[in-house]
Amino acid sequence: MNVVILLAGGSGLRIGADIPKQHIVLNEHQIIEYTLLAFNSSEIVDSILVVSNANYKEKIEAHKVFFPKLKWVIEGGTTRIRSTYNAIKFMQDKCFDTDNVIVSDGARPCVTHREIKDLYDKLKEYKAATTAISSYETLLKVRDGEIDSVIPRDDIARQTSPEAYRYGTLKQLYLYTEDSIIDSYRNIGIDQLIDKGEDVSVVKSNVFNFKITTPEDLYLFEYVLKKGFDTIIFQ
């Protein structure tokens, strides 16, 4: 089974809105609806779980009518990592260890079908994979407002999302690990796998695969909608 977990429990304070960013309406649809469309329309996705802000759980439940692969909506935790923990625990009696799980952001709508397929394909060989964009800008290490050093950009990539794992790997990372360690995670679990010597595959991300976090991101997504959202996700 190929499962998608969408993390949509945030409050969106950085975007300066009075509602969570994933529920901001653009072109008569909430941002979370565009994200659901990207995954629901993929032929290889079987089921979707949304981890929701508690105050918006019923609103997301209502989307099941339009997105038949949206099977479950649960309440999120106090942090992104705790929301992920809630999802992994909830899926205990629904997933086998060999099932494939993609974890992504509810406010990251421009995930393409090609990225989804490539991530699931990588799990045939790897325990985990992530999307990333190769760096084409010069990278600077800055200290006290001054350039400390220039970092060569060869072989440097910026991680995006989704991340993909076998469910058994996520169980080990979350359900069989001490809380203090889980709370130290910087992302879903790739850092921990690398520290353990595991190989993690990288899938090339598309340039529009950004998480809507700031007002500038909203303007960029509005541009995407004007040019044609479908033309991006159906790559």
C-alpha atoms as a PDB file:
ATOM      1  CA  MET A   1       0.000   0.000   0.000  1.00  0.00           C
ATOM      2  CA  ASN A   2       1.179   3.514  -0.839  1.00  0.00           C
ATOM      3  CA  VAL A   3       0.086   5.985   1.842  1.00  0.00           C
ATOM      4  CA  VAL A   4       0.465   9.771   2.009  1.00  0.00           C
ATOM      5  CA  ILE A   5       0.598  11.679   5.307  1.00  0.00           C
ATOM      6  CA  LEU A   6      -0.081  15.398   4.943  1.00  0.00           C
ATOM      7  CA  LEU A   7       0.953  17.573   7.872  1.00  0.00           C
ATOM      8  CA  ALA A   8      -1.596  20.386   8.141  1.00  0.00           C
ATOM      9  CA  GLY A   9      -1.604  21.180  11.840  1.00  0.00           C
ATOM     10  CA  GLY A  10       0.282  24.474  11.802  1.00  0.00           C
ATOM     11  CA  SER A  11      -1.048  27.892  12.706  1.00  0.00           C
ATOM     12  CA  GLY A  12       0.658  29.864   9.935  1.00  0.00           C
ATOM     13  CA  LEU A  13       1.916  32.704  12.143  1.00  0.00           C
ATOM     14  CA  ARG A  14       4.816  33.540   9.825  1.00  0.00           C
ATOM     15  CA  ILE A  15       2.479  34.312   6.956  1.00  0.00           C
ATOM     16  CA  GLY A  16       0.637  36.907   9.015  1.00  0.00           C
ATOM     17  CA  ALA A  17      -2.861  35.556   8.342  1.00  0.00           C
ATOM     18  CA  ASP A  18      -5.677  35.158  10.855  1.00  0.00           C
ATOM     19  CA  ILE A  19      -6.211  31.539   9.766  1.00  0.00           C
ATOM     20  CA  PRO A  20      -3.752  28.661   9.214  1.00  0.00           C
ATOM     21  CA  LYS A  21      -2.006  29.100   5.862  1.00  0.00           C
ATOM     22  CA  GLN A  22      -3.243  25.757   4.517  1.00  0.00           C
ATOM     23  CA  HIS A  23      -6.797  27.092   4.765  1.00  0.00           C
ATOM     24  CA  ILE A  24      -6.200  30.382   2.962  1.00  0.00           C
ATOM     25  CA  VAL A  25      -8.489  30.581  -0.082  1.00  0.00           C
ATOM     26  CA  LEU A  26      -7.052  31.341  -3.525  1.00  0.00           C
ATOM     27  CA  ASN A  27      -9.208  31.090  -6.659  1.00  0.00           C
ATOM     28  CA  GLU A  28     -12.117  29.783  -4.550  1.00  0.00           C
ATOM     29  CA  HIS A  29     -10.141  26.852  -3.124  1.00  0.00           C
ATOM     30  CA  GLN A  30      -8.126  26.409   0.056  1.00  0.00           C
ATOM     31  CA  ILE A  31      -4.416  25.698  -0.324  1.00  0.00           C
ATOM     32  CA  ILE A  32      -4.913  22.274   1.292  1.00  0.00           C
ATOM     33  CA  GLU A  33      -7.337  21.434  -1.526  1.00  0.00           C
ATOM     34  CA  TYR A  34      -4.625  21.972  -4.139  1.00  0.00           C
ATOM     35  CA  THR A  35      -2.273  19.756  -2.137  1.00  0.00           C
ATOM     36  CA  LEU A  36      -4.940  17.059  -1.856  1.00  0.00           C
ATOM     37  CA  LEU A  37      -5.547  17.280  -5.606  1.00  0.00           C
ATOM     38  CA  ALA A  38      -1.868  16.684  -6.344  1.00  0.00           C
ATOM     39  CA  PHE A  39      -1.800  13.437  -4.342  1.00  0.00           C
ATOM     40  CA  ASN A  40      -5.368  12.228  -4.875  1.00  0.00           C
ATOM     41  CA  SER A  41      -4.936  12.396  -8.655  1.00  0.00           C
ATOM     42  CA  SER A  42      -1.792  10.229  -8.622  1.00  0.00           C
ATOM     43  CA  GLU A  43      -2.544   6.719  -9.851  1.00  0.00           C
ATOM     44  CA  ILE A  44      -0.129   5.090  -7.431  1.00  0.00           C
ATOM     45  CA  VAL A  45      -1.378   6.737  -4.215  1.00  0.00           C
ATOM     46  CA  ASP A  46      -3.807   4.460  -2.359  1.00  0.00           C
ATOM     47  CA  SER A  47      -4.732   6.410   0.782  1.00  0.00           C
ATOM     48  CA  ILE A  48      -4.231   9.828   2.339  1.00  0.00           C
ATOM     49  CA  LEU A  49      -4.118  10.790   6.018  1.00  0.00           C
ATOM     50  CA  VAL A  50      -4.282  14.465   6.978  1.00  0.00           C
ATOM     51  CA  VAL A  51      -2.957  15.592  10.351  1.00  0.00           C
ATOM     52  CA  SER A  52      -5.050  18.671  11.043  1.00  0.00           C
ATOM     53  CA  ASN A  53      -5.163  21.733  13.223  1.00  0.00           C
ATOM     54  CA  ALA A  54      -7.760  20.804  15.861  1.00  0.00           C
ATOM     55  CA  ASN A  55     -10.002  23.751  14.974  1.00  0.00           C
ATOM     56  CA  TYR A  56     -10.144  22.781  11.307  1.00  0.00           C
ATOM     57  CA  LYS A  57     -10.536  19.012  11.517  1.00  0.00           C
ATOM     58  CA  GLU A  58     -14.200  19.059  10.462  1.00  0.00           C
ATOM     59  CA  LYS A  59     -13.419  21.299   7.486  1.00  0.00           C
ATOM     60  CA  ILE A  60     -10.876  18.791   6.213  1.00  0.00           C
ATOM     61  CA  GLU A  61     -13.260  15.886   6.864  1.00  0.00           C
ATOM     62  CA  ALA A  62     -15.685  17.615   4.486  1.00  0.00           C
ATOM     63  CA  HIS A  63     -13.135  17.284   1.659  1.00  0.00           C
ATOM     64  CA  LYS A  64     -13.574  13.495   1.612  1.00  0.00           C
ATOM     65  CA  VAL A  65     -16.501  14.001  -0.762  1.00  0.00           C
ATOM     66  CA  PHE A  66     -14.177  15.497  -3.376  1.00  0.00           C
ATOM     67  CA  PHE A  67     -11.025  13.470  -2.696  1.00  0.00           C
ATOM     68  CA  PRO A  68     -11.910   9.762  -2.342  1.00  0.00           C
ATOM     69  CA  LYS A  69      -8.381   8.745  -1.351  1.00  0.00           C
ATOM     70  CA  LEU A  70      -8.627  10.965   1.746  1.00  0.00           C
ATOM     71  CA  LYS A  71      -9.401   8.211   4.264  1.00  0.00           C
ATOM     72  CA  TRP A  72      -8.458   9.650   7.651  1.00  0.00           C
ATOM     73  CA  VAL A  73      -8.200  13.015   9.418  1.00  0.00           C
ATOM     74  CA  ILE A  74      -6.599  13.188  12.855  1.00  0.00           C
ATOM     75  CA  GLU A  75      -5.549  15.961  15.227  1.00  0.00           C
ATOM     76  CA  GLY A  76      -1.989  17.242  15.088  1.00  0.00           C
ATOM     77  CA  GLY A  77       0.540  17.661  17.867  1.00  0.00           C
ATOM     78  CA  THR A  78       2.269  20.729  19.284  1.00  0.00           C
ATOM     79  CA  THR A  79       5.104  20.506  16.708  1.00  0.00           C
ATOM     80  CA  ARG A  80       5.591  19.141  13.183  1.00  0.00           C
ATOM     81  CA  ILE A  81       7.464  16.176  14.597  1.00  0.00           C
ATOM     82  CA  ARG A  82       4.723  15.483  17.164  1.00  0.00           C
ATOM     83  CA  SER A  83       2.121  15.619  14.397  1.00  0.00           C
ATOM     84  CA  THR A  84       4.167  13.032  12.518  1.00  0.00           C
ATOM     85  CA  TYR A  85       4.288  10.891  15.658  1.00  0.00           C
ATOM     86  CA  ASN A  86       0.483  11.045  15.935  1.00  0.00           C
ATOM     87  CA  ALA A  87       0.178   9.875  12.331  1.00  0.00           C
ATOM     88  CA  ILE A  88       2.638   6.977  12.677  1.00  0.00           C
ATOM     89  CA  LYS A  89       0.899   5.796  15.853  1.00  0.00           C
ATOM     90  CA  PHE A  90      -2.550   6.081  14.249  1.00  0.00           C
ATOM     91  CA  MET A  91      -1.430   3.960  11.281  1.00  0.00           C
ATOM     92  CA  GLN A  92      -0.195   1.049  13.444  1.00  0.00           C
ATOM     93  CA  ASP A  93      -3.175  -1.183  12.724  1.00  0.00           C
ATOM     94  CA  LYS A  94      -3.547   0.006   9.127  1.00  0.00           C
ATOM     95  CA  CYS A  95      -0.053  -0.448   7.671  1.00  0.00           C
ATOM     96  CA  PHE A  96       2.350  -3.329   7.251  1.00  0.00           C
ATOM     97  CA  ASP A  97       6.062  -2.681   7.800  1.00  0.00           C
ATOM     98  CA  THR A  98       6.614  -3.092   4.055  1.00  0.00           C
ATOM     99  CA  ASP A  99       4.055  -0.435   3.075  1.00  0.00           C
ATOM    100  CA  ASN A 100       5.336   2.819   1.606  1.00  0.00           C
ATOM    101  CA  VAL A 101       4.637   6.148   3.280  1.00  0.00           C
ATOM    102  CA  ILE A 102       5.156   9.637   1.893  1.00  0.00           C
ATOM    103  CA  VAL A 103       5.174  12.494   4.404  1.00  0.00           C
ATOM    104  CA  SER A 104       4.591  16.003   3.076  1.00  0.00           C
ATOM    105  CA  ASP A 105       3.222  19.413   4.015  1.00  0.00           C
ATOM    106  CA  GLY A 106      -0.387  20.480   3.678  1.00  0.00           C
ATOM    107  CA  ALA A 107       0.798  23.899   2.462  1.00  0.00           C
ATOM    108  CA  ARG A 108       3.136  22.473  -0.202  1.00  0.00           C
ATOM    109  CA  PRO A 109       0.772  22.078  -3.176  1.00  0.00           C
ATOM    110  CA  CYS A 110       3.084  21.814  -6.199  1.00  0.00           C
ATOM    111  CA  VAL A 111       4.265  18.218  -5.779  1.00  0.00           C
ATOM    112  CA  THR A 112       4.300  16.514  -9.163  1.00  0.00           C
ATOM    113  CA  HIS A 113       3.167  13.022 -10.098  1.00  0.00           C
ATOM    114  CA  ARG A 114       6.699  12.347 -11.309  1.00  0.00           C
ATOM    115  CA  GLU A 115       8.126  13.163  -7.861  1.00  0.00           C
ATOM    116  CA  ILE A 116       5.536  10.951  -6.150  1.00  0.00           C
ATOM    117  CA  LYS A 117       6.295   8.017  -8.450  1.00  0.00           C
ATOM    118  CA  ASP A 118      10.069   8.461  -8.167  1.00  0.00           C
ATOM    119  CA  LEU A 119       9.883   8.491  -4.358  1.00  0.00           C
ATOM    120  CA  TYR A 120       7.835   5.299  -4.185  1.00  0.00           C
ATOM    121  CA  ASP A 121      10.143   3.657  -6.746  1.00  0.00           C
ATOM    122  CA  LYS A 122      13.181   4.488  -4.615  1.00  0.00           C
ATOM    123  CA  LEU A 123      11.631   2.605  -1.677  1.00  0.00           C
ATOM    124  CA  LYS A 124      12.061  -0.627  -3.646  1.00  0.00           C
ATOM    125  CA  GLU A 125      15.770  -0.277  -2.912  1.00  0.00           C
ATOM    126  CA  TYR A 126      16.113   2.199  -0.028  1.00  0.00           C
ATOM    127  CA  LYS A 127      14.556   2.602   3.412  1.00  0.00           C
ATOM    128  CA  ALA A 128      14.031   6.304   2.761  1.00  0.00           C
ATOM    129  CA  ALA A 129      14.170   8.966   0.072  1.00  0.00           C
ATOM    130  CA  THR A 130      13.596  12.701  -0.162  1.00  0.00           C
ATOM    131  CA  THR A 131      13.152  15.363  -2.804  1.00  0.00           C
ATOM    132  CA  ALA A 132      15.789  18.052  -3.208  1.00  0.00           C
ATOM    133  CA  ILE A 133      16.799  20.842  -5.585  1.00  0.00           C
ATOM    134  CA  SER A 134      20.387  21.248  -6.758  1.00  0.00           C
ATOM    135  CA  SER A 135      21.896  24.541  -5.680  1.00  0.00           C
ATOM    136  CA  TYR A 136      22.518  26.922  -8.587  1.00  0.00           C
ATOM    137  CA  GLU A 137      23.362  29.956  -6.438  1.00  0.00           C
ATOM    138  CA  THR A 138      26.656  30.627  -4.703  1.00  0.00           C
ATOM    139  CA  LEU A 139      26.444  29.580  -1.047  1.00  0.00           C
ATOM    140  CA  LEU A 140      27.891  31.769   1.686  1.00  0.00           C
ATOM    141  CA  LYS A 141      28.611  31.027   5.311  1.00  0.00           C
ATOM    142  CA  VAL A 142      27.855  34.282   7.118  1.00  0.00           C
ATOM    143  CA  ARG A 143      29.029  35.296  10.588  1.00  0.00           C
ATOM    144  CA  ASP A 144      28.060  38.617  12.234  1.00  0.00           C
ATOM    145  CA  GLY A 145      26.814  40.029   8.929  1.00  0.00           C
ATOM    146  CA  GLU A 146      30.034  39.252   7.059  1.00  0.00           C
ATOM    147  CA  ILE A 147      31.081  36.456   4.709  1.00  0.00           C
ATOM    148  CA  ASP A 148      33.006  33.839   6.666  1.00  0.00           C
ATOM    149  CA  SER A 149      33.557  31.518   3.705  1.00  0.00           C
ATOM    150  CA  VAL A 150      32.240  30.573   0.281  1.00  0.00           C
ATOM    151  CA  ILE A 151      30.840  27.051   0.079  1.00  0.00           C
ATOM    152  CA  PRO A 152      31.391  25.220  -3.228  1.00  0.00           C
ATOM    153  CA  ARG A 153      27.950  24.450  -4.687  1.00  0.00           C
ATOM    154  CA  ASP A 154      29.043  21.256  -6.465  1.00  0.00           C
ATOM    155  CA  ASP A 155      27.076  18.302  -5.038  1.00  0.00           C
ATOM    156  CA  ILE A 156      25.066  20.663  -2.793  1.00  0.00           C
ATOM    157  CA  ALA A 157      21.262  20.349  -2.807  1.00  0.00           C
ATOM    158  CA  ARG A 158      18.464  22.009  -0.856  1.00  0.00           C
ATOM    159  CA  GLN A 159      16.070  19.503   0.673  1.00  0.00           C
ATOM    160  CA  THR A 160      12.404  20.061  -0.061  1.00  0.00           C
ATOM    161  CA  SER A 161       9.592  17.587   0.625  1.00  0.00           C
ATOM    162  CA  PRO A 162       7.980  15.011   0.447  1.00  0.00           C
ATOM    163  CA  GLU A 163      10.048  12.452   2.274  1.00  0.00           C
ATOM    164  CA  ALA A 164       9.341   8.758   1.732  1.00  0.00           C
ATOM    165  CA  TYR A 165       9.867   5.797   4.064  1.00  0.00           C
ATOM    166  CA  ARG A 166       8.882   2.221   4.543  1.00  0.00           C
ATOM    167  CA  TYR A 167       6.376   2.149   7.375  1.00  0.00           C
ATOM    168  CA  GLY A 168       8.606  -0.197   9.392  1.00  0.00           C
ATOM    169  CA  THR A 169      11.359   2.417   9.287  1.00  0.00           C
ATOM    170  CA  LEU A 170       8.995   5.090  10.612  1.00  0.00           C
ATOM    171  CA  LYS A 171       7.904   2.777  13.430  1.00  0.00           C
ATOM    172  CA  GLN A 172      11.514   2.384  14.507  1.00  0.00           C
ATOM    173  CA  LEU A 173      12.103   6.134  14.334  1.00  0.00           C
ATOM    174  CA  TYR A 174       8.985   7.109  16.274  1.00  0.00           C
ATOM    175  CA  LEU A 175       7.286   4.307  18.186  1.00  0.00           C
ATOM    176  CA  TYR A 176      10.409   2.530  19.436  1.00  0.00           C
ATOM    177  CA  THR A 177      12.462   5.644  20.263  1.00  0.00           C
ATOM    178  CA  GLU A 178      12.635   7.779  23.410  1.00  0.00           C
ATOM    179  CA  ASP A 179      10.574  10.974  23.393  1.00  0.00           C
ATOM    180  CA  SER A 180      13.603  13.179  24.040  1.00  0.00           C
ATOM    181  CA  ILE A 181      15.283  11.842  20.893  1.00  0.00           C
ATOM    182  CA  ILE A 182      12.139  12.241  18.788  1.00  0.00           C
ATOM    183  CA  ASP A 183      11.771  15.870  19.891  1.00  0.00           C
ATOM    184  CA  SER A 184      15.328  16.566  18.688  1.00  0.00           C
ATOM    185  CA  TYR A 185      14.543  15.558  15.084  1.00  0.00           C
ATOM    186  CA  ARG A 186      15.174  18.353  12.576  1.00  0.00           C
ATOM    187  CA  ASN A 187      13.107  16.668   9.892  1.00  0.00           C
ATOM    188  CA  ILE A 188      10.995  13.519   9.694  1.00  0.00           C
ATOM    189  CA  GLY A 189      13.949  11.233  10.311  1.00  0.00           C
ATOM    190  CA  ILE A 190      16.540  11.423   7.554  1.00  0.00           C
ATOM    191  CA  ASP A 191      19.199  12.866   9.865  1.00  0.00           C
ATOM    192  CA  GLN A 192      18.849   9.856  12.172  1.00  0.00           C
ATOM    193  CA  LEU A 193      19.094   7.377   9.303  1.00  0.00           C
ATOM    194  CA  ILE A 194      22.236   9.067   7.976  1.00  0.00           C
ATOM    195  CA  ASP A 195      23.761   8.989  11.475  1.00  0.00           C
ATOM    196  CA  LYS A 196      23.090   5.247  11.561  1.00  0.00           C
ATOM    197  CA  GLY A 197      24.904   4.749   8.260  1.00  0.00           C
ATOM    198  CA  GLU A 198      21.798   4.132   6.154  1.00  0.00           C
ATOM    199  CA  ASP A 199      21.735   5.192   2.508  1.00  0.00           C
ATOM    200  CA  VAL A 200      18.990   7.715   1.708  1.00  0.00           C
ATOM    201  CA  SER A 201      18.097   8.352  -1.921  1.00  0.00           C
ATOM    202  CA  VAL A 202      17.481  11.783  -3.426  1.00  0.00           C
ATOM    203  CA  VAL A 203      14.810  12.536  -6.026  1.00  0.00           C
ATOM    204  CA  LYS A 204      15.102  15.669  -8.156  1.00  0.00           C
ATOM    205  CA  SER A 205      12.482  18.195  -7.087  1.00  0.00           C
ATOM    206  CA  ASN A 206      10.676  20.634  -9.364  1.00  0.00           C
ATOM    207  CA  VAL A 207      11.396  24.352  -8.911  1.00  0.00           C
ATOM    208  CA  PHE A 208       7.788  25.092  -7.892  1.00  0.00           C
ATOM    209  CA  ASN A 209       7.892  22.579  -5.038  1.00  0.00           C
ATOM    210  CA  PHE A 210       7.922  25.170  -2.272  1.00  0.00           C
ATOM    211  CA  LYS A 211       6.164  25.294   1.066  1.00  0.00           C
ATOM    212  CA  ILE A 212       3.866  28.294   1.434  1.00  0.00           C
ATOM    213  CA  THR A 213       5.288  30.012   4.512  1.00  0.00           C
ATOM    214  CA  THR A 214       5.552  33.749   3.839  1.00  0.00           C
ATOM    215  CA  PRO A 215       3.393  36.377   2.075  1.00  0.00           C
ATOM    216  CA  GLU A 216       5.862  36.220  -0.831  1.00  0.00           C
ATOM    217  CA  ASP A 217       5.121  32.506  -1.212  1.00  0.00           C
ATOM    218  CA  LEU A 218       1.433  33.330  -1.570  1.00  0.00           C
ATOM    219  CA  TYR A 219       2.211  35.708  -4.439  1.00  0.00           C
ATOM    220  CA  LEU A 220       4.298  33.021  -6.115  1.00  0.00           C
ATOM    221  CA  PHE A 221       1.540  30.441  -5.800  1.00  0.00           C
ATOM    222  CA  GLU A 222      -0.989  32.908  -7.190  1.00  0.00           C
ATOM    223  CA  TYR A 223       1.297  33.171 -10.227  1.00  0.00           C
ATOM    224  CA  VAL A 224       1.323  29.367 -10.510  1.00  0.00           C
ATOM    225  CA  LEU A 225      -2.477  29.313 -10.479  1.00  0.00           C
ATOM    226  CA  LYS A 226      -2.627  31.918 -13.236  1.00  0.00           C
ATOM    227  CA  LYS A 227      -0.237  29.939 -15.428  1.00  0.00           C
ATOM    228  CA  GLY A 228      -1.963  26.591 -14.751  1.00  0.00           C
ATOM    229  CA  PHE A 229      -1.642  24.449 -11.632  1.00  0.00           C
ATOM    230  CA  ASP A 230      -2.471  21.244 -13.515  1.00  0.00           C
ATOM    231  CA  THR A 231       0.382  21.722 -15.956  1.00  0.00           C
ATOM    232  CA  ILE A 232       2.810  21.492 -13.036  1.00  0.00           C
ATOM    233  CA  ILE A 233       1.462  18.594 -10.971  1.00  0.00           C
ATOM    234  CA  PHE A 234       0.725  16.322 -13.931  1.00  0.00           C
ATOM    235  CA  GLN A 235       4.366  16.204 -14.967  1.00  0.00           C
END
